[in-house]
C-alpha atoms as a PDB file:
ATOM      1  CA  MET A   1      16.096 -14.902  -2.316  1.00  0.00           C
ATOM      2  CA  ALA A   2      13.085 -16.867  -1.156  1.00  0.00           C
ATOM      3  CA  SER A   3      12.240 -16.974   2.515  1.00  0.00           C
ATOM      4  CA  THR A   4       9.411 -18.584   4.434  1.00  0.00           C
ATOM      5  CA  TYR A   5       6.831 -17.265   6.853  1.00  0.00           C
ATOM      6  CA  LYS A   6       4.477 -19.255   9.112  1.00  0.00           C
ATOM      7  CA  VAL A   7       0.906 -18.031   9.297  1.00  0.00           C
ATOM      8  CA  ILE A   8      -0.386 -17.090  12.755  1.00  0.00           C
ATOM      9  CA  GLN A   9      -3.949 -17.257  14.014  1.00  0.00           C
ATOM     10  CA  GLY A  10      -6.397 -14.841  12.429  1.00  0.00           C
ATOM     11  CA  GLN A  11      -4.290 -13.905   9.404  1.00  0.00           C
ATOM     12  CA  ASN A  12      -5.580 -13.809   5.851  1.00  0.00           C
ATOM     13  CA  LEU A  13      -3.663 -13.264   2.614  1.00  0.00           C
ATOM     14  CA  TYR A  14      -3.948  -9.497   2.903  1.00  0.00           C
ATOM     15  CA  ASP A  15      -2.598  -9.516   6.477  1.00  0.00           C
ATOM     16  CA  VAL A  16       0.388 -11.633   5.448  1.00  0.00           C
ATOM     17  CA  CYS A  17       1.078  -9.431   2.436  1.00  0.00           C
ATOM     18  CA  VAL A  18       1.102  -6.309   4.620  1.00  0.00           C
ATOM     19  CA  GLN A  19       3.314  -8.047   7.184  1.00  0.00           C
ATOM     20  CA  LEU A  20       5.852  -9.149   4.577  1.00  0.00           C
ATOM     21  CA  TYR A  21       5.766  -6.314   2.037  1.00  0.00           C
ATOM     22  CA  GLY A  22       4.267  -3.346   3.866  1.00  0.00           C
ATOM     23  CA  ASN A  23       1.091  -3.158   1.735  1.00  0.00           C
ATOM     24  CA  ILE A  24      -1.192  -5.295  -0.436  1.00  0.00           C
ATOM     25  CA  SER A  25       0.125  -4.260  -3.832  1.00  0.00           C
ATOM     26  CA  ALA A  26       2.497  -7.269  -3.858  1.00  0.00           C
ATOM     27  CA  LEU A  27      -0.351  -9.750  -3.366  1.00  0.00           C
ATOM     28  CA  GLY A  28       0.056 -11.035  -6.930  1.00  0.00           C
ATOM     29  CA  GLN A  29       3.713 -11.816  -6.229  1.00  0.00           C
ATOM     30  CA  LEU A  30       2.746 -13.634  -3.044  1.00  0.00           C
ATOM     31  CA  LEU A  31       0.277 -15.775  -4.982  1.00  0.00           C
ATOM     32  CA  ALA A  32       2.825 -16.432  -7.739  1.00  0.00           C
ATOM     33  CA  ASN A  33       5.330 -17.711  -5.156  1.00  0.00           C
ATOM     34  CA  ASN A  34       2.786 -20.071  -3.579  1.00  0.00           C
ATOM     35  CA  SER A  35       1.108 -22.237  -6.220  1.00  0.00           C
ATOM     36  CA  PHE A  36      -1.105 -23.965  -3.635  1.00  0.00           C
ATOM     37  CA  ILE A  37      -2.988 -20.689  -3.127  1.00  0.00           C
ATOM     38  CA  ASP A  38      -5.690 -21.025  -5.752  1.00  0.00           C
ATOM     39  CA  SER A  39      -7.640 -17.786  -5.296  1.00  0.00           C
ATOM     40  CA  TRP A  40      -7.612 -14.326  -3.700  1.00  0.00           C
ATOM     41  CA  SER A  41     -10.029 -15.641  -1.078  1.00  0.00           C
ATOM     42  CA  TYR A  42      -7.903 -18.647  -0.075  1.00  0.00           C
ATOM     43  CA  SER A  43      -8.238 -19.376   3.654  1.00  0.00           C
ATOM     44  CA  LEU A  44      -4.902 -19.652   5.389  1.00  0.00           C
ATOM     45  CA  THR A  45      -4.426 -22.061   8.274  1.00  0.00           C
ATOM     46  CA  VAL A  46      -2.307 -21.534  11.368  1.00  0.00           C
ATOM     47  CA  GLY A  47       1.223 -22.806  10.774  1.00  0.00           C
ATOM     48  CA  GLU A  48       0.901 -22.859   6.996  1.00  0.00           C
ATOM     49  CA  VAL A  49       4.214 -21.940   5.363  1.00  0.00           C
ATOM     50  CA  ILE A  50       4.214 -19.067   2.872  1.00  0.00           C
ATOM     51  CA  VAL A  51       7.141 -18.473   0.520  1.00  0.00           C
ATOM     52  CA  TYR A  52       8.014 -14.834  -0.143  1.00  0.00           C
ATOM     53  CA  ASP A  53      10.745 -12.808  -1.812  1.00  0.00           C
ATOM     54  CA  GLU A  54      12.672 -11.020   0.926  1.00  0.00           C
ATOM     55  CA  ASN A  55      14.548  -8.992  -1.679  1.00  0.00           C
ATOM     56  CA  LEU A  56      11.408  -7.413  -3.122  1.00  0.00           C
ATOM     57  CA  ASP A  57      11.855  -3.692  -2.596  1.00  0.00           C
ATOM     58  CA  ARG A  58       9.108  -2.428  -0.270  1.00  0.00           C
ATOM     59  CA  LYS A  59       9.233   0.962  -1.990  1.00  0.00           C
ATOM     60  CA  SER A  60       8.498  -0.609  -5.365  1.00  0.00           C
ATOM     61  CA  THR A  61       5.350  -2.234  -3.980  1.00  0.00           C
ATOM     62  CA  ARG A  62       3.789   0.977  -2.704  1.00  0.00           C
ATOM     63  CA  LEU A  63       0.563   2.044  -4.344  1.00  0.00           C
ATOM     64  CA  ASN A  64       1.879   5.597  -4.488  1.00  0.00           C
ATOM     65  CA  SER A  65       5.648   5.433  -4.814  1.00  0.00           C
ATOM     66  CA  SER A  66       6.062   9.199  -4.428  1.00  0.00           C
ATOM     67  CA  HIS A  67       6.050   8.832  -0.606  1.00  0.00           C
END
């Protein structure tokens, strides 16, 4: 299920990805869910709404899933 998140001051894509998914390995999914983000270096603005998949398993996004 898709949910939304509002960007706060000082956050970049990596910060938001860690906040929502626990790490940056789901960054591709975050970009796929937000077509307005046109590059990895996209600059977020305060209050911008990000769509994310709240059902994405945090364990499955870990870089080393053995932990």
